[in-house]
Amino acid sequence: MRFDGKGIDLALLKQAKQMERGRLETYAERRGGQVAFVPGRDAAFLVDNGCVAVGEGANMPTTPEAIKVFLEAGVAFGPGKAANAGGVATSALEMQQNASRDSWSFDFSERRLRDRMRDIHARCLTTAAEYRMPGNDVAGATIDGFRRVADAMLALGLI
């Protein structure tokens, strides 16, 4: 995670991600900032200053203590494992496009990915609620991911 005291430059982020199809790293290199993890005390600071949502854009930069602070404060928290599922979905879409020898427009691909991400989020929420942890995307993503792997292993006769 990078911290930028000037805030997110949305125009630069769109340029790097949508126009150049680059990685978040491209944005970070151009924008600057420092590499950081979010410990509990920083999470408390964010909560105390009105933070309403946090989305991880890296592999779990938020400490378990910080996640607990966010969840207890009712901050919407999008865990990295759910965001990374979007990367997996993108790879699957690329394989599908290549297998069909089609050339999809950016808008078509973007819509398909958006639909997949909405489905991932809905599964996180539904699963969390099913296990009596409504609104906890961290638990929902973890449990849903586990169930999907377990179901696949059962279907293949591995367990």
N, C-alpha and C. Protein backbone atom coordinates (compact mmCIF):
# COMPACT_ATOMS: atom_id res chain seq x y z
N MET A 1 0.85 -1.16 0.00
CA MET A 1 0.00 0.00 0.00
C MET A 1 0.89 1.22 0.00
N ARG A 2 0.46 2.25 -0.66
CA ARG A 2 1.19 3.52 -0.64
C ARG A 2 0.31 4.57 -0.01
N PHE A 3 0.94 5.41 0.77
CA PHE A 3 0.24 6.53 1.37
C PHE A 3 0.63 7.78 0.62
N ASP A 4 -0.36 8.55 0.23
CA ASP A 4 -0.14 9.82 -0.46
C ASP A 4 -0.94 10.88 0.26
N GLY A 5 -0.24 11.75 0.95
CA GLY A 5 -0.88 12.80 1.73
C GLY A 5 -1.72 13.75 0.90
N LYS A 6 -1.48 13.80 -0.41
CA LYS A 6 -2.26 14.68 -1.29
C LYS A 6 -3.57 14.04 -1.74
N GLY A 7 -3.74 12.76 -1.43
CA GLY A 7 -4.96 12.07 -1.83
C GLY A 7 -4.82 11.42 -3.20
N ILE A 8 -5.86 10.75 -3.63
CA ILE A 8 -5.84 10.03 -4.91
C ILE A 8 -6.06 11.01 -6.05
N ASP A 9 -5.22 10.91 -7.07
CA ASP A 9 -5.37 11.69 -8.29
C ASP A 9 -6.17 10.83 -9.26
N LEU A 10 -7.49 11.03 -9.28
CA LEU A 10 -8.38 10.17 -10.06
C LEU A 10 -8.04 10.20 -11.55
N ALA A 11 -7.70 11.37 -12.08
CA ALA A 11 -7.37 11.47 -13.50
C ALA A 11 -6.13 10.63 -13.82
N LEU A 12 -5.11 10.70 -12.98
CA LEU A 12 -3.90 9.91 -13.19
C LEU A 12 -4.18 8.42 -13.04
N LEU A 13 -5.00 8.07 -12.07
CA LEU A 13 -5.35 6.66 -11.86
C LEU A 13 -6.08 6.11 -13.08
N LYS A 14 -7.05 6.86 -13.61
CA LYS A 14 -7.77 6.42 -14.81
C LYS A 14 -6.83 6.31 -16.01
N GLN A 15 -5.90 7.26 -16.13
CA GLN A 15 -4.94 7.22 -17.23
C GLN A 15 -4.11 5.94 -17.16
N ALA A 16 -3.59 5.65 -15.97
CA ALA A 16 -2.73 4.48 -15.81
C ALA A 16 -3.49 3.17 -15.99
N LYS A 17 -4.69 3.08 -15.41
CA LYS A 17 -5.42 1.81 -15.42
C LYS A 17 -6.27 1.61 -16.68
N GLN A 18 -7.07 2.61 -17.04
CA GLN A 18 -8.02 2.43 -18.14
C GLN A 18 -7.40 2.71 -19.50
N MET A 19 -6.65 3.78 -19.58
CA MET A 19 -6.11 4.17 -20.89
C MET A 19 -4.87 3.35 -21.25
N GLU A 20 -3.95 3.20 -20.29
CA GLU A 20 -2.70 2.50 -20.56
C GLU A 20 -2.76 1.03 -20.17
N ARG A 21 -3.83 0.65 -19.48
CA ARG A 21 -4.01 -0.72 -19.01
C ARG A 21 -2.82 -1.18 -18.16
N GLY A 22 -2.32 -0.25 -17.37
CA GLY A 22 -1.18 -0.54 -16.50
C GLY A 22 -1.62 -1.10 -15.16
N ARG A 23 -0.64 -1.28 -14.31
CA ARG A 23 -0.88 -1.80 -12.97
C ARG A 23 -0.98 -0.62 -12.01
N LEU A 24 -1.50 -0.89 -10.82
CA LEU A 24 -1.54 0.15 -9.80
C LEU A 24 -0.14 0.67 -9.51
N GLU A 25 0.84 -0.20 -9.69
CA GLU A 25 2.23 0.19 -9.48
C GLU A 25 2.62 1.36 -10.38
N THR A 26 2.09 1.37 -11.60
CA THR A 26 2.37 2.47 -12.53
C THR A 26 1.88 3.79 -11.94
N TYR A 27 0.67 3.78 -11.43
CA TYR A 27 0.12 4.97 -10.77
C TYR A 27 1.01 5.37 -9.61
N ALA A 28 1.37 4.41 -8.77
CA ALA A 28 2.16 4.69 -7.56
C ALA A 28 3.52 5.28 -7.91
N GLU A 29 4.15 4.75 -8.96
CA GLU A 29 5.45 5.28 -9.37
C GLU A 29 5.35 6.73 -9.82
N ARG A 30 4.30 7.05 -10.53
CA ARG A 30 4.13 8.42 -11.02
C ARG A 30 3.70 9.38 -9.92
N ARG A 31 2.87 8.89 -9.02
CA ARG A 31 2.29 9.76 -7.99
C ARG A 31 3.21 9.92 -6.79
N GLY A 32 3.99 8.89 -6.51
CA GLY A 32 4.86 8.95 -5.34
C GLY A 32 4.14 8.44 -4.11
N GLY A 33 4.62 8.85 -2.97
CA GLY A 33 4.07 8.37 -1.71
C GLY A 33 4.99 7.33 -1.12
N GLN A 34 4.62 6.82 0.02
CA GLN A 34 5.47 5.84 0.67
C GLN A 34 4.74 4.51 0.81
N VAL A 35 5.51 3.44 0.79
CA VAL A 35 4.94 2.11 0.99
C VAL A 35 4.55 2.00 2.46
N ALA A 36 3.37 1.48 2.70
CA ALA A 36 2.89 1.42 4.08
C ALA A 36 1.94 0.26 4.28
N PHE A 37 1.84 -0.15 5.52
CA PHE A 37 0.81 -1.08 5.94
C PHE A 37 -0.11 -0.32 6.88
N VAL A 38 -1.31 -0.80 7.06
CA VAL A 38 -2.26 -0.10 7.92
C VAL A 38 -2.36 -0.85 9.24
N PRO A 39 -1.70 -0.33 10.28
CA PRO A 39 -1.83 -0.94 11.60
C PRO A 39 -3.09 -0.43 12.30
N GLY A 40 -3.41 -1.01 13.43
CA GLY A 40 -4.62 -0.65 14.17
C GLY A 40 -4.71 0.82 14.52
N ARG A 41 -3.60 1.42 14.93
CA ARG A 41 -3.65 2.84 15.34
C ARG A 41 -3.99 3.74 14.15
N ASP A 42 -3.50 3.38 12.96
CA ASP A 42 -3.84 4.17 11.78
C ASP A 42 -5.30 3.97 11.38
N ALA A 43 -5.78 2.75 11.56
CA ALA A 43 -7.20 2.48 11.28
C ALA A 43 -8.07 3.31 12.21
N ALA A 44 -7.69 3.37 13.49
CA ALA A 44 -8.46 4.16 14.46
C ALA A 44 -8.44 5.63 14.07
N PHE A 45 -7.30 6.12 13.59
CA PHE A 45 -7.20 7.51 13.14
C PHE A 45 -8.15 7.77 11.98
N LEU A 46 -8.18 6.84 11.02
CA LEU A 46 -9.08 6.98 9.88
C LEU A 46 -10.54 7.00 10.32
N VAL A 47 -10.88 6.08 11.22
CA VAL A 47 -12.26 6.02 11.73
C VAL A 47 -12.61 7.31 12.45
N ASP A 48 -11.71 7.78 13.30
CA ASP A 48 -11.96 9.01 14.06
C ASP A 48 -12.14 10.23 13.16
N ASN A 49 -11.61 10.15 11.95
CA ASN A 49 -11.70 11.27 11.02
C ASN A 49 -12.74 11.05 9.93
N GLY A 50 -13.66 10.12 10.16
CA GLY A 50 -14.82 9.99 9.29
C GLY A 50 -14.68 9.04 8.12
N CYS A 51 -13.67 8.20 8.10
CA CYS A 51 -13.51 7.24 7.01
C CYS A 51 -14.74 6.32 6.96
N VAL A 52 -15.29 6.13 5.78
CA VAL A 52 -16.48 5.28 5.64
C VAL A 52 -16.21 4.01 4.84
N ALA A 53 -15.10 3.97 4.08
CA ALA A 53 -14.81 2.79 3.27
C ALA A 53 -13.31 2.66 3.04
N VAL A 54 -12.84 1.42 3.03
CA VAL A 54 -11.45 1.10 2.73
C VAL A 54 -11.46 -0.09 1.78
N GLY A 55 -10.73 0.03 0.69
CA GLY A 55 -10.59 -1.08 -0.24
C GLY A 55 -9.12 -1.40 -0.42
N GLU A 56 -8.76 -2.64 -0.18
CA GLU A 56 -7.36 -3.03 -0.35
C GLU A 56 -7.07 -3.18 -1.84
N GLY A 57 -5.97 -2.60 -2.27
CA GLY A 57 -5.53 -2.73 -3.66
C GLY A 57 -4.23 -3.50 -3.73
N ALA A 58 -3.91 -4.22 -2.68
CA ALA A 58 -2.68 -5.00 -2.59
C ALA A 58 -2.98 -6.28 -1.84
N ASN A 59 -1.96 -7.08 -1.65
CA ASN A 59 -2.13 -8.34 -0.93
C ASN A 59 -2.10 -8.10 0.57
N MET A 60 -3.24 -7.84 1.10
CA MET A 60 -3.49 -7.76 2.53
C MET A 60 -2.55 -6.79 3.28
N PRO A 61 -2.55 -5.51 2.91
CA PRO A 61 -1.72 -4.55 3.62
C PRO A 61 -2.31 -4.11 4.96
N THR A 62 -3.54 -4.48 5.22
CA THR A 62 -4.22 -4.07 6.45
C THR A 62 -4.02 -5.16 7.50
N THR A 63 -3.50 -4.78 8.66
CA THR A 63 -3.25 -5.77 9.71
C THR A 63 -4.57 -6.29 10.27
N PRO A 64 -4.55 -7.49 10.85
CA PRO A 64 -5.78 -8.01 11.46
C PRO A 64 -6.37 -7.05 12.51
N GLU A 65 -5.50 -6.40 13.27
CA GLU A 65 -5.97 -5.43 14.26
C GLU A 65 -6.73 -4.28 13.58
N ALA A 66 -6.19 -3.79 12.48
CA ALA A 66 -6.83 -2.69 11.76
C ALA A 66 -8.17 -3.13 11.15
N ILE A 67 -8.20 -4.34 10.62
CA ILE A 67 -9.46 -4.86 10.07
C ILE A 67 -10.52 -4.89 11.15
N LYS A 68 -10.13 -5.34 12.34
CA LYS A 68 -11.07 -5.39 13.46
C LYS A 68 -11.59 -3.99 13.79
N VAL A 69 -10.70 -3.00 13.79
CA VAL A 69 -11.11 -1.61 14.06
C VAL A 69 -12.13 -1.16 13.02
N PHE A 70 -11.83 -1.41 11.75
CA PHE A 70 -12.75 -0.99 10.68
C PHE A 70 -14.11 -1.67 10.82
N LEU A 71 -14.10 -2.98 11.02
CA LEU A 71 -15.36 -3.71 11.09
C LEU A 71 -16.19 -3.29 12.30
N GLU A 72 -15.54 -3.11 13.44
CA GLU A 72 -16.27 -2.70 14.64
C GLU A 72 -16.86 -1.30 14.50
N ALA A 73 -16.21 -0.46 13.68
CA ALA A 73 -16.69 0.91 13.47
C ALA A 73 -17.72 1.00 12.34
N GLY A 74 -17.98 -0.13 11.68
CA GLY A 74 -18.94 -0.12 10.58
C GLY A 74 -18.39 0.44 9.28
N VAL A 75 -17.06 0.51 9.15
CA VAL A 75 -16.43 0.97 7.92
C VAL A 75 -16.55 -0.15 6.88
N ALA A 76 -17.02 0.18 5.70
CA ALA A 76 -17.09 -0.80 4.61
C ALA A 76 -15.66 -1.17 4.24
N PHE A 77 -15.34 -2.46 4.33
CA PHE A 77 -13.96 -2.90 4.10
C PHE A 77 -13.94 -3.94 3.00
N GLY A 78 -13.27 -3.62 1.89
CA GLY A 78 -13.12 -4.54 0.77
C GLY A 78 -11.77 -5.23 0.86
N PRO A 79 -11.76 -6.51 1.25
CA PRO A 79 -10.49 -7.21 1.45
C PRO A 79 -9.76 -7.51 0.15
N GLY A 80 -8.43 -7.56 0.24
CA GLY A 80 -7.60 -7.85 -0.92
C GLY A 80 -7.95 -9.15 -1.60
N LYS A 81 -8.34 -10.17 -0.81
CA LYS A 81 -8.64 -11.47 -1.44
C LYS A 81 -9.85 -11.36 -2.36
N ALA A 82 -10.81 -10.50 -2.05
CA ALA A 82 -11.95 -10.30 -2.95
C ALA A 82 -11.52 -9.48 -4.16
N ALA A 83 -10.69 -8.46 -3.93
CA ALA A 83 -10.19 -7.66 -5.05
C ALA A 83 -9.33 -8.51 -5.98
N ASN A 84 -8.51 -9.38 -5.41
CA ASN A 84 -7.66 -10.25 -6.23
C ASN A 84 -8.49 -11.23 -7.05
N ALA A 85 -9.68 -11.56 -6.58
CA ALA A 85 -10.56 -12.42 -7.35
C ALA A 85 -10.91 -11.74 -8.68
N GLY A 86 -10.90 -10.42 -8.69
CA GLY A 86 -11.12 -9.68 -9.93
C GLY A 86 -10.01 -9.93 -10.93
N GLY A 87 -8.78 -10.06 -10.44
CA GLY A 87 -7.66 -10.39 -11.31
C GLY A 87 -7.81 -11.78 -11.91
N VAL A 88 -8.26 -12.71 -11.09
CA VAL A 88 -8.51 -14.07 -11.57
C VAL A 88 -9.63 -14.05 -12.60
N ALA A 89 -10.68 -13.27 -12.32
CA ALA A 89 -11.80 -13.15 -13.26
C ALA A 89 -11.32 -12.57 -14.59
N THR A 90 -10.43 -11.58 -14.52
CA THR A 90 -9.89 -10.97 -15.73
C THR A 90 -9.13 -12.01 -16.55
N SER A 91 -8.33 -12.82 -15.88
CA SER A 91 -7.59 -13.87 -16.58
C SER A 91 -8.54 -14.85 -17.25
N ALA A 92 -9.61 -15.21 -16.56
CA ALA A 92 -10.60 -16.12 -17.15
C ALA A 92 -11.26 -15.49 -18.37
N LEU A 93 -11.57 -14.21 -18.29
CA LEU A 93 -12.17 -13.52 -19.44
C LEU A 93 -11.20 -13.49 -20.61
N GLU A 94 -9.92 -13.25 -20.32
CA GLU A 94 -8.91 -13.24 -21.39
C GLU A 94 -8.81 -14.61 -22.06
N MET A 95 -8.83 -15.67 -21.25
CA MET A 95 -8.78 -17.02 -21.82
C MET A 95 -10.01 -17.30 -22.68
N GLN A 96 -11.17 -16.84 -22.20
CA GLN A 96 -12.40 -17.05 -22.96
C GLN A 96 -12.33 -16.30 -24.29
N GLN A 97 -11.85 -15.07 -24.25
CA GLN A 97 -11.74 -14.28 -25.47
C GLN A 97 -10.76 -14.94 -26.44
N ASN A 98 -9.62 -15.38 -25.93
CA ASN A 98 -8.62 -16.02 -26.78
C ASN A 98 -9.13 -17.33 -27.37
N ALA A 99 -9.83 -18.12 -26.56
CA ALA A 99 -10.35 -19.41 -27.04
C ALA A 99 -11.39 -19.23 -28.14
N SER A 100 -12.16 -18.16 -28.05
CA SER A 100 -13.20 -17.92 -29.07
C SER A 100 -12.66 -17.12 -30.25
N ARG A 101 -11.40 -16.69 -30.13
CA ARG A 101 -10.74 -15.90 -31.18
C ARG A 101 -11.51 -14.62 -31.51
N ASP A 102 -12.12 -14.08 -30.47
CA ASP A 102 -12.85 -12.82 -30.61
C ASP A 102 -11.95 -11.67 -30.19
N SER A 103 -12.38 -10.48 -30.55
CA SER A 103 -11.72 -9.27 -30.08
C SER A 103 -12.78 -8.41 -29.42
N TRP A 104 -12.75 -8.38 -28.10
CA TRP A 104 -13.76 -7.64 -27.35
C TRP A 104 -13.35 -6.19 -27.21
N SER A 105 -14.33 -5.31 -27.24
CA SER A 105 -14.06 -3.89 -27.01
C SER A 105 -13.76 -3.68 -25.53
N PHE A 106 -13.14 -2.56 -25.23
CA PHE A 106 -12.86 -2.23 -23.83
C PHE A 106 -14.15 -2.17 -23.03
N ASP A 107 -15.18 -1.52 -23.59
CA ASP A 107 -16.45 -1.39 -22.87
C ASP A 107 -17.09 -2.75 -22.59
N PHE A 108 -17.04 -3.65 -23.57
CA PHE A 108 -17.61 -4.98 -23.37
C PHE A 108 -16.87 -5.72 -22.26
N SER A 109 -15.54 -5.68 -22.33
CA SER A 109 -14.72 -6.34 -21.30
C SER A 109 -14.96 -5.73 -19.94
N GLU A 110 -15.04 -4.43 -19.89
CA GLU A 110 -15.26 -3.72 -18.62
C GLU A 110 -16.61 -4.11 -18.01
N ARG A 111 -17.64 -4.19 -18.83
CA ARG A 111 -18.96 -4.60 -18.33
C ARG A 111 -18.92 -6.02 -17.77
N ARG A 112 -18.26 -6.91 -18.48
CA ARG A 112 -18.18 -8.30 -18.00
C ARG A 112 -17.43 -8.37 -16.68
N LEU A 113 -16.33 -7.63 -16.57
CA LEU A 113 -15.57 -7.63 -15.32
C LEU A 113 -16.39 -7.00 -14.20
N ARG A 114 -17.08 -5.91 -14.50
CA ARG A 114 -17.92 -5.25 -13.48
C ARG A 114 -18.99 -6.22 -12.97
N ASP A 115 -19.60 -6.97 -13.89
CA ASP A 115 -20.60 -7.96 -13.49
C ASP A 115 -19.99 -9.03 -12.59
N ARG A 116 -18.79 -9.48 -12.94
CA ARG A 116 -18.11 -10.49 -12.11
C ARG A 116 -17.80 -9.93 -10.72
N MET A 117 -17.33 -8.69 -10.67
CA MET A 117 -16.98 -8.10 -9.37
C MET A 117 -18.24 -7.90 -8.52
N ARG A 118 -19.33 -7.53 -9.15
CA ARG A 118 -20.59 -7.41 -8.39
C ARG A 118 -21.02 -8.76 -7.85
N ASP A 119 -20.83 -9.80 -8.65
CA ASP A 119 -21.17 -11.15 -8.20
C ASP A 119 -20.27 -11.57 -7.03
N ILE A 120 -18.99 -11.28 -7.12
CA ILE A 120 -18.06 -11.61 -6.03
C ILE A 120 -18.50 -10.90 -4.76
N HIS A 121 -18.81 -9.62 -4.86
CA HIS A 121 -19.24 -8.86 -3.68
C HIS A 121 -20.54 -9.42 -3.11
N ALA A 122 -21.47 -9.74 -3.99
CA ALA A 122 -22.75 -10.30 -3.52
C ALA A 122 -22.53 -11.63 -2.81
N ARG A 123 -21.63 -12.47 -3.34
CA ARG A 123 -21.33 -13.74 -2.68
C ARG A 123 -20.69 -13.51 -1.32
N CYS A 124 -19.80 -12.53 -1.22
CA CYS A 124 -19.19 -12.21 0.07
C CYS A 124 -20.26 -11.81 1.08
N LEU A 125 -21.15 -10.93 0.68
CA LEU A 125 -22.21 -10.47 1.59
C LEU A 125 -23.16 -11.60 1.98
N THR A 126 -23.58 -12.38 0.99
CA THR A 126 -24.51 -13.48 1.25
C THR A 126 -23.89 -14.52 2.18
N THR A 127 -22.65 -14.87 1.90
CA THR A 127 -21.97 -15.88 2.72
C THR A 127 -21.76 -15.37 4.14
N ALA A 128 -21.34 -14.12 4.28
CA ALA A 128 -21.15 -13.55 5.62
C ALA A 128 -22.46 -13.56 6.40
N ALA A 129 -23.54 -13.19 5.74
CA ALA A 129 -24.85 -13.18 6.42
C ALA A 129 -25.27 -14.60 6.79
N GLU A 130 -25.00 -15.54 5.90
CA GLU A 130 -25.35 -16.94 6.16
C GLU A 130 -24.64 -17.47 7.42
N TYR A 131 -23.44 -16.96 7.67
CA TYR A 131 -22.67 -17.39 8.84
C TYR A 131 -22.75 -16.38 9.99
N ARG A 132 -23.82 -15.62 10.00
CA ARG A 132 -24.15 -14.65 11.06
C ARG A 132 -23.08 -13.58 11.26
N MET A 133 -22.49 -13.12 10.16
CA MET A 133 -21.54 -12.02 10.19
C MET A 133 -21.90 -11.01 9.11
N PRO A 134 -23.14 -10.49 9.14
CA PRO A 134 -23.59 -9.62 8.05
C PRO A 134 -22.67 -8.41 7.86
N GLY A 135 -22.39 -8.11 6.59
CA GLY A 135 -21.57 -6.96 6.24
C GLY A 135 -20.08 -7.19 6.35
N ASN A 136 -19.66 -8.38 6.77
CA ASN A 136 -18.24 -8.67 6.94
C ASN A 136 -17.70 -9.34 5.68
N ASP A 137 -17.23 -8.51 4.74
CA ASP A 137 -16.71 -9.04 3.48
C ASP A 137 -15.47 -9.91 3.68
N VAL A 138 -14.70 -9.65 4.73
CA VAL A 138 -13.51 -10.46 5.00
C VAL A 138 -13.93 -11.90 5.28
N ALA A 139 -14.87 -12.08 6.20
CA ALA A 139 -15.35 -13.43 6.52
C ALA A 139 -16.05 -14.04 5.31
N GLY A 140 -16.87 -13.25 4.63
CA GLY A 140 -17.59 -13.76 3.47
C GLY A 140 -16.65 -14.24 2.38
N ALA A 141 -15.60 -13.46 2.09
CA ALA A 141 -14.63 -13.84 1.06
C ALA A 141 -13.87 -15.09 1.46
N THR A 142 -13.47 -15.16 2.72
CA THR A 142 -12.71 -16.31 3.20
C THR A 142 -13.55 -17.58 3.14
N ILE A 143 -14.75 -17.51 3.67
CA ILE A 143 -15.62 -18.70 3.71
C ILE A 143 -16.04 -19.11 2.30
N ASP A 144 -16.44 -18.14 1.48
CA ASP A 144 -16.86 -18.48 0.12
C ASP A 144 -15.71 -19.08 -0.67
N GLY A 145 -14.51 -18.51 -0.52
CA GLY A 145 -13.35 -19.06 -1.21
C GLY A 145 -13.06 -20.48 -0.78
N PHE A 146 -13.13 -20.72 0.52
CA PHE A 146 -12.91 -22.07 1.04
C PHE A 146 -13.95 -23.04 0.49
N ARG A 147 -15.20 -22.64 0.53
CA ARG A 147 -16.27 -23.53 0.04
C ARG A 147 -16.10 -23.85 -1.44
N ARG A 148 -15.70 -22.86 -2.23
CA ARG A 148 -15.54 -23.10 -3.66
C ARG A 148 -14.41 -24.10 -3.93
N VAL A 149 -13.31 -23.96 -3.19
CA VAL A 149 -12.20 -24.91 -3.35
C VAL A 149 -12.62 -26.30 -2.87
N ALA A 150 -13.28 -26.36 -1.71
CA ALA A 150 -13.73 -27.65 -1.17
C ALA A 150 -14.72 -28.32 -2.13
N ASP A 151 -15.65 -27.55 -2.68
CA ASP A 151 -16.62 -28.12 -3.63
C ASP A 151 -15.92 -28.68 -4.87
N ALA A 152 -14.91 -27.96 -5.35
CA ALA A 152 -14.17 -28.43 -6.52
C ALA A 152 -13.41 -29.72 -6.20
N MET A 153 -12.82 -29.77 -5.01
CA MET A 153 -12.10 -30.98 -4.61
C MET A 153 -13.04 -32.17 -4.46
N LEU A 154 -14.23 -31.92 -3.90
CA LEU A 154 -15.23 -32.98 -3.79
C LEU A 154 -15.67 -33.46 -5.17
N ALA A 155 -15.90 -32.52 -6.07
CA ALA A 155 -16.35 -32.87 -7.42
C ALA A 155 -15.31 -33.71 -8.17
N LEU A 156 -14.05 -33.46 -7.87
CA LEU A 156 -12.97 -34.21 -8.52
C LEU A 156 -12.63 -35.50 -7.78
N GLY A 157 -13.31 -35.74 -6.67
CA GLY A 157 -13.07 -36.96 -5.89
C GLY A 157 -11.78 -36.93 -5.09
N LEU A 158 -11.27 -35.74 -4.83
CA LEU A 158 -10.01 -35.62 -4.10
C LEU A 158 -10.18 -35.72 -2.60
N ILE A 159 -11.39 -35.47 -2.12
CA ILE A 159 -11.67 -35.62 -0.68
C ILE A 159 -13.02 -36.28 -0.50
